[in-house]
Amino acid sequence: MKILDPNGLVDNLYKYVQTNIEIAKVEVQEKIEDTVKKVVLMGILAISGLLFLIFLLLTLSLFLNKILESQYLGFLIVTVLLGIICGVVYVKIKPLLEQPKLVENLRQDEQ
């Protein structure tokens, strides 16, 4: 019987391990490709969103300039509003940025 032949068992085991390694390589490659696709799509979406926001703010600034009959006041108002929004976002996000350090400190205390 060829199935019970020691050389045949070793060959079959070798082929089985080799096949499993190839399957693992293909799975890892597919995961990497999926991740790259998601990153590229998110990048395109982020760039498109940023361009939309820039044009929206420029339009708002020009509209305020026309209403206020000024060449710069609309841009100044929009800039100040953006500064306030950035400040509020920074204050809200700052605790979240420091939170991972807290988790690391807790892990170190446990050891």
Protein backbone atom coordinates (compact mmCIF):
# COMPACT_ATOMS: atom_id res chain seq x y z
CA MET A 1 0.00 0.00 0.00
CA LYS A 2 1.42 3.30 -1.09
CA ILE A 3 -0.53 5.29 1.55
CA LEU A 4 1.24 3.55 4.43
CA ASP A 5 4.67 3.84 2.80
CA PRO A 6 6.85 6.07 5.04
CA ASN A 7 8.26 7.94 2.06
CA GLY A 8 4.77 8.59 0.74
CA LEU A 9 3.62 9.88 4.14
CA VAL A 10 6.57 12.25 4.36
CA ASP A 11 5.93 13.48 0.82
CA ASN A 12 2.23 13.98 1.53
CA LEU A 13 3.00 15.81 4.79
CA TYR A 14 5.56 18.00 3.02
CA LYS A 15 3.08 18.85 0.24
CA TYR A 16 0.38 19.56 2.83
CA VAL A 17 2.60 21.97 4.78
CA GLN A 18 3.78 23.60 1.57
CA THR A 19 0.18 24.08 0.42
CA ASN A 20 -0.80 25.61 3.76
CA ILE A 21 2.12 28.03 3.54
CA GLU A 22 1.07 29.08 0.03
CA ILE A 23 -2.53 29.57 1.20
CA ALA A 24 -1.32 31.74 4.09
CA LYS A 25 0.79 33.83 1.70
CA VAL A 26 -2.19 34.39 -0.60
CA GLU A 27 -4.42 35.35 2.34
CA VAL A 28 -1.86 37.85 3.65
CA GLN A 29 -1.44 39.32 0.17
CA GLU A 30 -5.22 39.71 -0.19
CA LYS A 31 -5.45 41.46 3.20
CA ILE A 32 -2.64 43.83 2.23
CA GLU A 33 -4.32 44.60 -1.10
CA ASP A 34 -7.64 45.29 0.65
CA THR A 35 -5.94 47.60 3.15
CA VAL A 36 -4.11 49.49 0.40
CA LYS A 37 -7.38 49.91 -1.52
CA LYS A 38 -9.12 51.28 1.57
CA VAL A 39 -6.25 53.69 2.31
CA VAL A 40 -6.23 54.98 -1.28
CA LEU A 41 -10.00 55.46 -1.29
CA MET A 42 -9.90 57.24 2.07
CA GLY A 43 -7.11 59.48 0.75
CA ILE A 44 -9.13 60.38 -2.33
CA LEU A 45 -12.17 61.06 -0.16
CA ALA A 46 -10.11 63.22 2.23
CA ILE A 47 -8.61 65.27 -0.62
CA SER A 48 -12.03 65.74 -2.23
CA GLY A 49 -13.53 66.79 1.09
CA LEU A 50 -10.69 69.23 1.73
CA LEU A 51 -11.11 70.81 -1.70
CA PHE A 52 -14.86 71.11 -1.11
CA LEU A 53 -14.26 72.80 2.25
CA ILE A 54 -11.71 75.22 0.77
CA PHE A 55 -14.06 76.29 -2.02
CA LEU A 56 -16.98 76.56 0.39
CA LEU A 57 -14.99 78.83 2.72
CA LEU A 58 -13.73 80.94 -0.18
CA THR A 59 -17.29 81.35 -1.42
CA LEU A 60 -18.48 82.30 2.06
CA SER A 61 -15.64 84.83 2.39
CA LEU A 62 -16.40 86.42 -0.97
CA PHE A 63 -20.11 86.52 -0.14
CA LEU A 64 -19.38 88.29 3.17
CA ASN A 65 -17.07 90.71 1.35
CA LYS A 66 -19.89 91.61 -1.02
CA ILE A 67 -22.44 92.05 1.79
CA LEU A 68 -20.05 94.09 3.96
CA GLU A 69 -18.73 96.04 0.95
CA SER A 70 -15.15 95.25 1.91
CA GLN A 71 -12.22 93.56 0.22
CA TYR A 72 -10.90 91.73 3.27
CA LEU A 73 -13.48 91.71 6.09
CA GLY A 74 -15.19 88.51 4.88
CA PHE A 75 -11.87 86.68 4.83
CA LEU A 76 -11.06 88.00 8.30
CA ILE A 77 -14.40 86.82 9.70
CA VAL A 78 -14.03 83.34 8.18
CA THR A 79 -10.43 83.10 9.44
CA VAL A 80 -11.45 84.05 12.99
CA LEU A 81 -14.30 81.52 12.91
CA LEU A 82 -11.90 78.80 11.71
CA GLY A 83 -9.49 79.72 14.49
CA ILE A 84 -12.24 79.43 17.09
CA ILE A 85 -13.39 76.09 15.67
CA CYS A 86 -9.81 74.76 15.69
CA GLY A 87 -9.37 75.89 19.29
CA VAL A 88 -12.58 74.18 20.41
CA VAL A 89 -11.67 70.96 18.56
CA TYR A 90 -8.19 71.01 20.11
CA VAL A 91 -9.60 71.41 23.62
CA LYS A 92 -12.05 68.54 23.03
CA ILE A 93 -9.48 66.21 21.44
CA LYS A 94 -6.59 66.90 23.84
CA PRO A 95 -7.87 64.46 26.54
CA LEU A 96 -8.32 61.76 23.91
CA LEU A 97 -4.73 62.21 22.75
CA GLU A 98 -3.46 61.81 26.31
CA GLN A 99 -5.65 58.78 27.03
CA PRO A 100 -3.35 56.11 25.48
CA LYS A 101 -0.58 57.28 27.83
CA LEU A 102 -2.94 56.59 30.73
CA VAL A 103 -3.54 53.06 29.49
CA GLU A 104 0.22 52.47 29.11
CA ASN A 105 0.79 53.74 32.66
CA LEU A 106 -1.85 51.35 33.98
CA ARG A 107 -0.18 48.45 32.19
CA GLN A 108 3.19 49.38 33.66
CA ASP A 109 1.67 49.59 37.15
CA GLU A 110 0.27 46.07 36.79
CA GLN A 111 3.69 44.60 36.00
